[in-house]
Every structure is written in C-alpha cells, then in structure tokens.
C-alpha cells in the first residue's frame, strides 16, 4: 500500500468519524464512503465527502431530485458546488481555496493544487469485473500412474480423483446490467453478458428500475471530460482531473485501471496512480458483518453530504434524492438538495450573469430568472457553449451506448405542476 494512498485513506476516515451522527448508518447498516481531498503545497484537506444509498426509480426522476445517490456521484456533485462557490469567492475578492481569476470570464486552478479521490470500496460496474489466472495446481491431469517410487501408507486417506477438466479463468460477477441493446433486453446467465468487460452498465441492485450508469462509467467520463462537469466548463479553460485514486477493500487493480482509463478514446491523457488501501471504514459491509456477526445486515437508506465552506461547512442528510425529513407538503427550497440539477443551474446562471453583466454581488442567487417549463433546453444549451461540448461529442462517439442511454433519460419535470404551486 502506497504511503500517499494510506495517508488519504486515514485522513478521510478520521474526518468521517468526527462528523455528527446525522445521516450515519445504524449499527447493522452499511454504506460506501467517498471523498475528494485537495492538496495545496503539501497540505491535504478534505473538501467534500458523501456516503451512498440506493438510486431513485425512473418514475421519480426530475431536475430537483438527485437520481443517483451512490457515494461517488454525490461526492462529484459536491465538488462542483465547491468549485462554484470558490468562483464566487474570487468575484468577491475573498481568499479562495483552489481557483483564481484568469483571462476574460475564465478561472484557473492555482499552482501546486491537486485533487485526490477516495472510495471505501471499488466502484460499481466494470471495475468490479476481474479475471484471475487459473491455478496451475488445479489444472493438473489426474494421470499420475508410475509417478513416484514410494507407496502411499495404508493409514493415509486416498485423495479424491482429480478431474481432467481444465479450470477456466474466473470472473468476478457484477449485478450491473450491460447497456448493449442485446444484453439489456436479455441479460441472463446464459449469454454471460455479466462477464463482458469494457462495456457501459447501469446501476446494480434489486430496487426500482434505474437507467443511471454505473460509477465506473461516470468516473471514467469525468476523468476524460473533467470532474468540473458540463456547466462549470464554461468558466474554465481546461478540464480538472483527479491526480490519484485511493480505493479500499479487495479488488483487482488492473480491472480498475481498465474501467477508468484504458477504455478512454484518448490515450494521451496521463493516467493517475491508483492506490489499494486497507478497508478501515467503520461502516463498510465487511466491517458491519464482522461487528454484527449473526445479525442481519442491510444497506442504509440515507446519505451524508458534507461540503467545506471557508472556516465553516455544510452537513446534510438525504433520503431518496431529497433533504431528509422533507414531506410532500414541504416547499421546494426545503426539499431540494443543493447539488440537484435545478439548484446547481440556478447558481450557475447567477454566476454567469455576474461575469457577463457585472451585476451587484449582493443579488440574491435565488432571484435569477429561471423558467421551469423548458429547463432541459436551457440546461443543454448552456453546456453546449464551451469546449466541453466538443470533447463530449468525441466521448459519446466512442461510447455509442451513452447516446442511447441519454435518449432514455432526457429529464422532464414530472412535478412541474407542484413546482409552480410552490
């Protein structure tokens, strides 16, 4: 285990153990922990952290609900919010964490600033599919006649005859369904599509139908297009990428590298190191089982979202893509997470208005003109006005299934009537 990976793992787990109990799993519940660590001139700081839970079903998807609540995805969304708020600090001439003003309306990452990703276990999808070489000792042919001069003692039990079938390579199975059309329609053990590597996959699990892609696919996409996302790429001249990955638990290192880097259309992108670290997360599935012994364990139903904000921080708990405790009668502002599409787009529109028009910084961010009825068109149009759209075309051209997936997930507000009432 590399010293940097161990350092990041210990830092993240110490930070998690110091968080309030709000949103944390019960004794018999497990979850996944992800975090982004910022390195600035040799000093490491946790800036975003999240724990994961199940995704919402397709019938519940809308712009103000976070559909993918896996820890890795929530952590990436929090990181974009961190960047967005850092841009606002630059505009206020306040001390920023990682960004500074560049030319025009662009921001640049400060020198000697790097970002590291941590996950308590391997991400779902292609990274979990590992192939191990066959054990030569198990592939020996059982014809041992005439071998050895000594007879076996009478007291020694006769070993069972060895089979002449050669053991093939074993493949770790994943519950994530392949997005290839044939596999998606009939993903059974018979066609063994679960053994295919380097293909796009949906989320695993037995919950409601969810077409969100696996964390392996999303992290691969972000490592290619940049972890800043499509909206913030308008304010950055270059993509931001992780400088290292630290992953806990048991997994195949080659499988993770294949899932995150080897599948990319552009092999000129520098591959960051991937560190295999010890599973020290107190709420991991393995530690939960060893702690509960014979008791039944289950995944948690809530997530933690933690974000560093200057000397302060924001700590939220979410359930089903909304703020924990929200009810149907609650107003939208009390149910909407700050990392959902609606909230993020409102903030980005405010930032864009400040940069282009020089409006007063005292303007309330929630008062930015925003039309809910054509949210999808505004959202996609905003992302198309940057270098990000060109890179995304290259990416989607390489992964044809991504376009097919996106055509199924063109989000429309299923609760638009409720929004207008609130």
Protein backbone atom coordinates (compact mmCIF):
# COMPACT_ATOMS: atom_id res chain seq x y z
CA UNK A 1 0.00 0.00 0.00
CA UNK A 2 1.50 3.30 -1.05
CA UNK A 3 2.12 5.93 1.62
CA UNK A 4 0.05 8.59 -0.21
CA UNK A 5 -2.95 6.29 -0.54
CA UNK A 6 -2.69 5.33 3.12
CA UNK A 7 -2.43 8.98 4.14
CA UNK A 8 -5.53 9.94 2.15
CA UNK A 9 -7.49 6.94 3.45
CA UNK A 10 -6.68 7.69 7.07
CA UNK A 11 -7.45 11.39 6.62
CA UNK A 12 -10.88 10.68 5.12
CA UNK A 13 -11.85 8.09 7.73
CA UNK A 14 -10.73 10.30 10.61
CA UNK A 15 -12.80 13.10 9.14
CA UNK A 16 -15.86 10.83 8.82
CA UNK A 17 -15.56 9.62 12.41
CA UNK A 18 -15.67 13.23 13.62
CA UNK A 19 -18.89 14.05 11.76
CA UNK A 20 -22.22 14.29 13.62
CA UNK A 21 -24.45 11.22 13.74
CA UNK A 22 -26.99 12.83 11.43
CA UNK A 23 -27.37 10.61 8.36
CA UNK A 24 -24.95 7.92 9.53
CA UNK A 25 -25.98 4.24 9.32
CA UNK A 26 -27.25 2.26 12.29
CA UNK A 27 -25.12 -0.50 13.85
CA UNK A 28 -26.45 -3.18 11.50
CA UNK A 29 -26.36 -1.00 8.38
CA UNK A 30 -23.55 -0.48 5.88
CA UNK A 31 -22.75 2.14 3.28
CA UNK A 32 -19.97 3.40 0.99
CA UNK A 33 -17.81 6.44 1.75
CA UNK A 34 -16.31 8.71 -0.91
CA UNK A 35 -14.37 11.94 -0.56
CA UNK A 36 -12.33 14.47 -2.51
CA UNK A 37 -9.10 15.63 -0.91
CA UNK A 38 -7.38 18.83 -2.01
CA UNK A 39 -3.60 19.02 -1.90
CA UNK A 40 -2.15 22.53 -1.75
CA UNK A 41 1.61 22.91 -1.34
CA UNK A 42 1.85 19.59 0.51
CA UNK A 43 -1.16 20.21 2.80
CA UNK A 44 -4.07 17.77 2.42
CA UNK A 45 -7.65 18.84 3.22
CA UNK A 46 -10.97 17.02 2.84
CA UNK A 47 -13.23 19.35 0.87
CA UNK A 48 -16.20 17.10 0.02
CA UNK A 49 -17.48 13.86 1.48
CA UNK A 50 -20.55 11.69 0.92
CA UNK A 51 -21.98 8.32 1.82
CA UNK A 52 -24.16 6.39 -0.59
CA UNK A 53 -27.54 4.76 -0.80
CA UNK A 54 -29.90 3.45 -3.49
CA UNK A 55 -30.89 5.42 -6.58
CA UNK A 56 -34.43 6.57 -7.21
CA UNK A 57 -36.57 4.90 -9.86
CA UNK A 58 -37.14 6.25 -13.35
CA UNK A 59 -40.66 7.39 -12.47
CA UNK A 60 -39.27 9.67 -9.74
CA UNK A 61 -36.63 11.43 -11.83
CA UNK A 62 -36.87 15.18 -12.23
CA UNK A 63 -34.41 18.11 -12.16
CA UNK A 64 -34.87 18.92 -8.47
CA UNK A 65 -34.34 15.33 -7.26
CA UNK A 66 -30.88 13.73 -7.20
CA UNK A 67 -31.49 10.48 -9.04
CA UNK A 68 -28.08 8.86 -8.44
CA UNK A 69 -27.29 8.67 -4.73
CA UNK A 70 -24.20 6.48 -4.90
CA UNK A 71 -21.40 7.94 -2.78
CA UNK A 72 -19.01 8.51 -5.70
CA UNK A 73 -21.57 10.50 -7.70
CA UNK A 74 -22.73 12.59 -4.73
CA UNK A 75 -19.11 13.41 -3.97
CA UNK A 76 -18.55 14.61 -7.55
CA UNK A 77 -21.66 16.80 -7.37
CA UNK A 78 -20.43 18.30 -4.12
CA UNK A 79 -17.07 19.01 -5.71
CA UNK A 80 -18.74 21.03 -8.48
CA UNK A 81 -20.61 23.02 -5.84
CA UNK A 82 -17.28 23.59 -4.09
CA UNK A 83 -15.79 24.94 -7.33
CA UNK A 84 -18.83 27.12 -7.95
CA UNK A 85 -18.61 28.70 -4.51
CA UNK A 86 -14.86 29.19 -4.94
CA UNK A 87 -15.57 31.12 -8.15
CA UNK A 88 -17.93 33.35 -6.20
CA UNK A 89 -15.18 33.98 -3.63
CA UNK A 90 -12.89 35.11 -6.43
CA UNK A 91 -15.51 37.57 -7.65
CA UNK A 92 -15.88 38.96 -4.13
CA UNK A 93 -12.09 39.32 -3.90
CA UNK A 94 -12.12 36.94 -0.96
CA UNK A 95 -9.49 34.31 -0.26
CA UNK A 96 -10.29 31.28 -2.41
CA UNK A 97 -9.30 27.67 -1.88
CA UNK A 98 -8.18 26.46 -5.27
CA UNK A 99 -9.15 28.91 -8.05
CA UNK A 100 -8.02 32.32 -9.23
CA UNK A 101 -9.16 34.69 -11.97
CA UNK A 102 -7.83 34.05 -15.44
CA UNK A 103 -8.40 35.85 -18.71
CA UNK A 104 -11.90 37.02 -19.57
CA UNK A 105 -14.60 35.09 -17.75
CA UNK A 106 -12.36 32.12 -17.03
CA UNK A 107 -10.93 30.80 -13.81
CA UNK A 108 -7.79 28.68 -13.43
CA UNK A 109 -6.60 26.26 -10.77
CA UNK A 110 -3.87 27.66 -8.57
CA UNK A 111 -0.35 26.31 -8.84
CA UNK A 112 0.53 23.34 -6.64
CA UNK A 113 -3.14 22.43 -6.20
CA UNK A 114 -4.18 18.82 -6.87
CA UNK A 115 -7.30 16.79 -6.19
CA UNK A 116 -7.38 13.18 -4.97
CA UNK A 117 -10.34 10.81 -4.93
CA UNK A 118 -11.05 8.30 -2.17
CA UNK A 119 -13.61 5.50 -2.02
CA UNK A 120 -14.00 2.95 0.76
CA UNK A 121 -14.65 0.20 -1.79
CA UNK A 122 -14.34 -0.39 -5.51
CA UNK A 123 -16.90 1.46 -7.64
CA UNK A 124 -19.81 -0.46 -9.19
CA UNK A 125 -19.77 -1.51 -12.83
CA UNK A 126 -16.82 -2.52 -14.99
CA UNK A 127 -14.25 -2.03 -12.22
CA UNK A 128 -15.75 -4.93 -10.26
CA UNK A 129 -15.27 -7.43 -13.10
CA UNK A 130 -11.89 -9.05 -12.57
CA UNK A 131 -10.31 -12.02 -14.24
CA UNK A 132 -7.83 -14.19 -12.35
CA UNK A 133 -5.39 -16.58 -13.94
CA UNK A 134 -6.10 -20.29 -13.37
CA UNK A 135 -4.24 -22.03 -10.57
CA UNK A 136 -1.72 -24.40 -12.22
CA UNK A 137 -2.05 -26.81 -9.29
CA UNK A 138 -5.76 -27.22 -10.00
CA UNK A 139 -5.27 -27.85 -13.72
CA UNK A 140 -3.09 -30.93 -13.46
CA UNK A 141 -4.32 -34.02 -15.28
CA UNK A 142 -5.19 -36.86 -12.97
CA UNK A 143 -2.97 -39.38 -14.74
CA UNK A 144 -0.27 -39.89 -12.09
CA UNK A 145 0.42 -43.58 -12.75
CA UNK A 146 4.05 -44.51 -12.44
CA UNK A 147 4.94 -41.27 -10.72
CA UNK A 148 6.98 -41.77 -7.54
CA UNK A 149 8.60 -44.91 -6.21
CA UNK A 150 7.15 -44.90 -2.73
CA UNK A 151 3.76 -46.35 -1.95
CA UNK A 152 1.21 -44.43 -0.01
CA UNK A 153 0.92 -45.56 3.61
CA UNK A 154 -2.18 -47.57 4.39
CA UNK A 155 -3.22 -45.08 7.04
CA UNK A 156 -3.25 -42.19 4.59
CA UNK A 157 -6.62 -41.47 3.05
CA UNK A 158 -6.87 -41.79 -0.69
CA UNK A 159 -7.41 -38.35 -2.21
CA UNK A 160 -10.41 -37.87 -4.50
CA UNK A 161 -9.61 -38.36 -8.18
CA UNK A 162 -8.78 -35.16 -9.99
CA UNK A 163 -10.92 -34.14 -12.91
CA UNK A 164 -9.48 -33.82 -16.39
CA UNK A 165 -11.47 -30.62 -17.00
CA UNK A 166 -9.16 -27.65 -17.11
CA UNK A 167 -10.30 -24.83 -14.87
CA UNK A 168 -11.01 -21.71 -16.89
CA UNK A 169 -10.32 -18.22 -15.70
CA UNK A 170 -12.76 -16.98 -13.10
CA UNK A 171 -14.64 -13.74 -13.50
CA UNK A 172 -15.96 -11.72 -10.58
CA UNK A 173 -19.61 -11.14 -11.28
CA UNK A 174 -21.38 -7.78 -11.17
CA UNK A 175 -25.06 -7.01 -10.80
CA UNK A 176 -24.74 -4.03 -13.12
CA UNK A 177 -26.56 -4.73 -16.38
CA UNK A 178 -24.83 -4.17 -19.70
CA UNK A 179 -26.17 -1.29 -21.77
CA UNK A 180 -25.60 -3.11 -25.04
CA UNK A 181 -29.02 -3.49 -26.63
CA UNK A 182 -28.95 -7.30 -26.81
CA UNK A 183 -27.66 -7.61 -23.27
CA UNK A 184 -30.11 -5.04 -21.92
CA UNK A 185 -33.07 -6.96 -23.31
CA UNK A 186 -31.85 -10.35 -22.10
CA UNK A 187 -29.13 -10.13 -19.51
CA UNK A 188 -29.15 -13.73 -18.30
CA UNK A 189 -26.53 -16.09 -17.06
CA UNK A 190 -26.89 -17.99 -20.33
CA UNK A 191 -25.47 -15.24 -22.54
CA UNK A 192 -22.95 -14.36 -19.81
CA UNK A 193 -23.02 -10.66 -20.60
CA UNK A 194 -22.03 -10.07 -16.99
CA UNK A 195 -18.58 -11.35 -17.98
CA UNK A 196 -18.05 -8.76 -20.69
CA UNK A 197 -15.57 -6.09 -19.85
CA UNK A 198 -15.19 -2.50 -21.05
CA UNK A 199 -18.93 -2.07 -21.73
CA UNK A 200 -21.27 0.54 -20.29
CA UNK A 201 -23.50 -0.70 -17.49
CA UNK A 202 -26.42 0.50 -15.41
CA UNK A 203 -26.50 0.52 -11.63
CA UNK A 204 -26.63 -2.84 -9.83
CA UNK A 205 -29.29 -3.69 -7.28
CA UNK A 206 -32.80 -5.06 -6.97
CA UNK A 207 -34.60 -1.79 -6.34
CA UNK A 208 -36.75 0.24 -8.74
CA UNK A 209 -35.72 0.31 -12.40
CA UNK A 210 -32.89 2.79 -12.80
CA UNK A 211 -31.07 3.63 -16.03
CA UNK A 212 -28.31 5.69 -14.41
CA UNK A 213 -24.93 4.42 -15.50
CA UNK A 214 -22.52 2.75 -13.11
CA UNK A 215 -19.97 4.67 -11.06
CA UNK A 216 -17.17 3.10 -13.12
CA UNK A 217 -18.62 4.64 -16.28
CA UNK A 218 -19.29 8.03 -14.71
CA UNK A 219 -15.82 8.31 -13.17
CA UNK A 220 -14.29 7.29 -16.50
CA UNK A 221 -16.29 10.01 -18.24
CA UNK A 222 -15.26 12.60 -15.68
CA UNK A 223 -11.61 11.67 -15.96
CA UNK A 224 -11.90 12.34 -19.70
CA UNK A 225 -14.17 15.41 -19.76
CA UNK A 226 -13.18 16.81 -16.39
CA UNK A 227 -14.62 16.50 -12.91
CA UNK A 228 -15.89 20.09 -13.10
CA UNK A 229 -18.84 18.90 -15.20
CA UNK A 230 -20.53 20.49 -18.18
CA UNK A 231 -21.99 23.59 -16.56
CA UNK A 232 -18.78 24.86 -14.96
CA UNK A 233 -16.67 24.11 -18.03
CA UNK A 234 -17.97 27.40 -19.41
CA UNK A 235 -15.87 29.20 -16.80
CA UNK A 236 -12.73 27.07 -17.08
CA UNK A 237 -10.25 26.96 -19.94
CA UNK A 238 -9.10 23.40 -19.19
CA UNK A 239 -10.64 20.31 -17.60
CA UNK A 240 -9.84 19.42 -14.00
CA UNK A 241 -8.87 15.81 -13.34
CA UNK A 242 -8.04 13.73 -10.30
CA UNK A 243 -4.35 13.25 -9.54
CA UNK A 244 -4.83 9.92 -7.75
CA UNK A 245 -7.43 7.34 -6.74
CA UNK A 246 -7.35 5.59 -3.36
CA UNK A 247 -9.72 2.63 -3.04
CA UNK A 248 -10.29 0.43 -0.01
CA UNK A 249 -11.12 -3.26 0.28
CA UNK A 250 -10.44 -6.16 -2.04
CA UNK A 251 -10.42 -5.57 -5.79
CA UNK A 252 -8.36 -6.16 -8.90
CA UNK A 253 -6.07 -3.23 -9.63
CA UNK A 254 -5.93 -4.00 -13.36
CA UNK A 255 -9.73 -4.01 -13.57
CA UNK A 256 -9.96 -0.55 -12.02
CA UNK A 257 -7.35 0.82 -14.42
CA UNK A 258 -9.19 -0.75 -17.35
CA UNK A 259 -12.54 0.68 -16.22
CA UNK A 260 -11.27 4.21 -15.55
CA UNK A 261 -8.52 4.77 -18.12
CA UNK A 262 -7.93 2.01 -20.67
CA UNK A 263 -11.40 2.40 -22.22
CA UNK A 264 -10.94 6.10 -22.94
CA UNK A 265 -10.85 7.21 -26.61
CA UNK A 266 -7.83 9.45 -25.96
CA UNK A 267 -4.87 7.50 -24.60
CA UNK A 268 -2.75 10.66 -24.37
CA UNK A 269 -4.41 11.59 -21.06
CA UNK A 270 -1.99 10.92 -18.22
CA UNK A 271 -3.20 8.05 -16.04
CA UNK A 272 -3.07 8.94 -12.34
CA UNK A 273 -1.92 6.29 -9.86
CA UNK A 274 -4.49 4.01 -8.23
CA UNK A 275 -3.72 3.00 -4.64
CA UNK A 276 -5.11 -0.10 -2.99
CA UNK A 277 -5.67 0.75 0.67
CA UNK A 278 -6.87 -1.17 3.71
CA UNK A 279 -10.58 -1.31 4.48
CA UNK A 280 -10.71 0.83 7.64
CA UNK A 281 -14.13 2.38 7.03
CA UNK A 282 -16.18 1.62 10.12
CA UNK A 283 -19.46 1.29 8.18
CA UNK A 284 -18.21 -0.84 5.29
CA UNK A 285 -20.15 -4.01 4.52
CA UNK A 286 -17.33 -6.30 5.66
CA UNK A 287 -16.76 -4.46 8.96
CA UNK A 288 -20.51 -4.31 9.51
CA UNK A 289 -20.83 -8.09 9.10
CA UNK A 290 -17.92 -8.82 11.40
CA UNK A 291 -19.37 -6.47 14.01
CA UNK A 292 -22.93 -7.83 13.83
CA UNK A 293 -21.86 -11.48 13.46
CA UNK A 294 -25.09 -13.48 13.16
CA UNK A 295 -27.38 -10.45 12.99
CA UNK A 296 -28.83 -9.47 9.62
CA UNK A 297 -27.14 -6.52 7.96
CA UNK A 298 -28.64 -4.20 5.36
CA UNK A 299 -27.73 -1.12 3.38
CA UNK A 300 -28.62 2.27 4.82
CA UNK A 301 -31.48 4.33 3.42
CA UNK A 302 -29.89 7.76 3.98
CA UNK A 303 -26.83 9.59 2.69
CA UNK A 304 -24.49 12.17 4.16
CA UNK A 305 -23.41 15.18 2.10
CA UNK A 306 -20.58 17.24 3.58
CA UNK A 307 -19.03 20.32 1.98
CA UNK A 308 -16.25 22.61 3.20
CA UNK A 309 -17.18 26.29 3.10
CA UNK A 310 -14.40 28.53 4.32
CA UNK A 311 -13.97 28.02 8.04
CA UNK A 312 -17.47 26.57 8.13
CA UNK A 313 -19.04 23.54 6.50
CA UNK A 314 -22.41 22.21 5.36
CA UNK A 315 -23.64 18.87 6.64
CA UNK A 316 -26.83 17.44 5.13
CA UNK A 317 -28.63 14.11 5.19
CA UNK A 318 -30.68 12.97 2.20
CA UNK A 319 -33.25 10.27 1.53
CA UNK A 320 -34.44 9.35 -1.95
CA UNK A 321 -32.63 12.29 -3.53
CA UNK A 322 -34.16 14.92 -1.21
CA UNK A 323 -33.26 16.51 2.11
CA UNK A 324 -34.01 14.15 4.97
CA UNK A 325 -37.27 15.00 6.73
CA UNK A 326 -38.89 16.54 3.67
CA UNK A 327 -42.57 15.82 3.15
CA UNK A 328 -44.95 16.24 0.23
CA UNK A 329 -46.28 19.42 1.78
CA UNK A 330 -42.77 20.92 2.22
CA UNK A 331 -41.76 23.77 -0.05
CA UNK A 332 -39.29 23.10 -2.84
CA UNK A 333 -36.50 25.02 -1.12
CA UNK A 334 -36.82 22.77 1.93
CA UNK A 335 -36.72 19.52 -0.04
CA UNK A 336 -34.21 20.31 -2.79
CA UNK A 337 -30.59 19.32 -2.25
CA UNK A 338 -28.02 21.99 -3.23
CA UNK A 339 -26.41 19.55 -5.66
CA UNK A 340 -29.51 18.73 -7.72
CA UNK A 341 -29.72 20.00 -11.31
CA UNK A 342 -32.19 22.77 -10.55
CA UNK A 343 -30.22 24.24 -7.64
CA UNK A 344 -26.89 23.99 -9.46
CA UNK A 345 -28.25 25.57 -12.63
CA UNK A 346 -29.73 28.47 -10.70
CA UNK A 347 -26.35 29.16 -9.10
CA UNK A 348 -24.53 28.85 -12.43
CA UNK A 349 -26.96 31.29 -14.08
CA UNK A 350 -26.29 33.75 -11.28
CA UNK A 351 -22.52 33.40 -11.70
CA UNK A 352 -22.81 33.82 -15.46
CA UNK A 353 -24.90 36.96 -15.03
CA UNK A 354 -22.32 38.45 -12.68
CA UNK A 355 -19.46 37.74 -15.08
CA UNK A 356 -21.16 38.99 -18.25
CA UNK A 357 -23.16 41.94 -16.90
CA UNK A 358 -21.21 42.97 -13.83
CA UNK A 359 -24.32 42.85 -11.65
CA UNK A 360 -24.16 43.58 -7.96
CA UNK A 361 -22.78 40.72 -5.92
CA UNK A 362 -25.46 41.32 -3.32
CA UNK A 363 -28.11 39.96 -5.69
CA UNK A 364 -29.88 37.01 -4.17
CA UNK A 365 -28.88 33.86 -6.01
CA UNK A 366 -32.43 32.51 -5.89
CA UNK A 367 -33.81 35.55 -7.77
CA UNK A 368 -32.13 34.71 -11.07
CA UNK A 369 -34.74 34.44 -13.87
CA UNK A 370 -35.39 30.77 -14.35
CA UNK A 371 -38.03 29.05 -16.44
CA UNK A 372 -39.03 25.61 -15.23
CA UNK A 373 -41.11 24.66 -18.26
CA UNK A 374 -38.13 24.40 -20.64
CA UNK A 375 -35.47 23.53 -18.09
CA UNK A 376 -33.98 20.73 -20.20
CA UNK A 377 -33.44 23.03 -23.20
CA UNK A 378 -31.82 25.76 -21.10
CA UNK A 379 -29.61 23.23 -19.33
CA UNK A 380 -28.31 21.57 -22.50
CA UNK A 381 -27.90 24.90 -24.33
CA UNK A 382 -25.76 26.30 -21.53
CA UNK A 383 -23.43 23.30 -21.60
CA UNK A 384 -23.09 23.47 -25.39
CA UNK A 385 -21.38 26.88 -25.32
CA UNK A 386 -17.92 25.67 -24.27
CA UNK A 387 -15.07 23.35 -25.21
CA UNK A 388 -16.87 20.70 -23.16
CA UNK A 389 -19.41 20.00 -25.91
CA UNK A 390 -16.66 19.15 -28.42
CA UNK A 391 -14.97 16.76 -26.02
CA UNK A 392 -18.31 15.19 -25.15
CA UNK A 393 -19.06 14.50 -28.82
CA UNK A 394 -15.75 12.69 -29.06
CA UNK A 395 -16.55 10.71 -25.93
CA UNK A 396 -20.10 9.77 -26.98
CA UNK A 397 -18.83 8.85 -30.45
CA UNK A 398 -16.55 6.30 -28.84
CA UNK A 399 -19.26 5.01 -26.48
CA UNK A 400 -22.30 4.77 -28.71
CA UNK A 401 -24.38 3.30 -25.91
CA UNK A 402 -24.07 6.54 -23.96
CA UNK A 403 -26.18 8.35 -26.54
CA UNK A 404 -28.77 5.61 -26.36
CA UNK A 405 -28.84 5.89 -22.59
CA UNK A 406 -29.17 9.65 -22.73
CA UNK A 407 -32.11 9.42 -25.10
CA UNK A 408 -33.93 7.43 -22.43
CA UNK A 409 -33.01 9.88 -19.69
CA UNK A 410 -33.96 13.24 -21.21
CA UNK A 411 -35.26 14.57 -17.96
CA UNK A 412 -38.55 16.40 -17.81
CA UNK A 413 -40.12 17.70 -14.66
CA UNK A 414 -42.68 15.16 -13.51
CA UNK A 415 -43.73 17.54 -10.74
CA UNK A 416 -43.88 20.78 -12.71
CA UNK A 417 -47.40 21.46 -11.53
CA UNK A 418 -46.31 21.14 -7.91
CA UNK A 419 -43.35 23.42 -8.51
CA UNK A 420 -45.47 26.23 -9.89
CA UNK A 421 -47.79 25.96 -6.91
CA UNK A 422 -44.88 26.30 -4.52
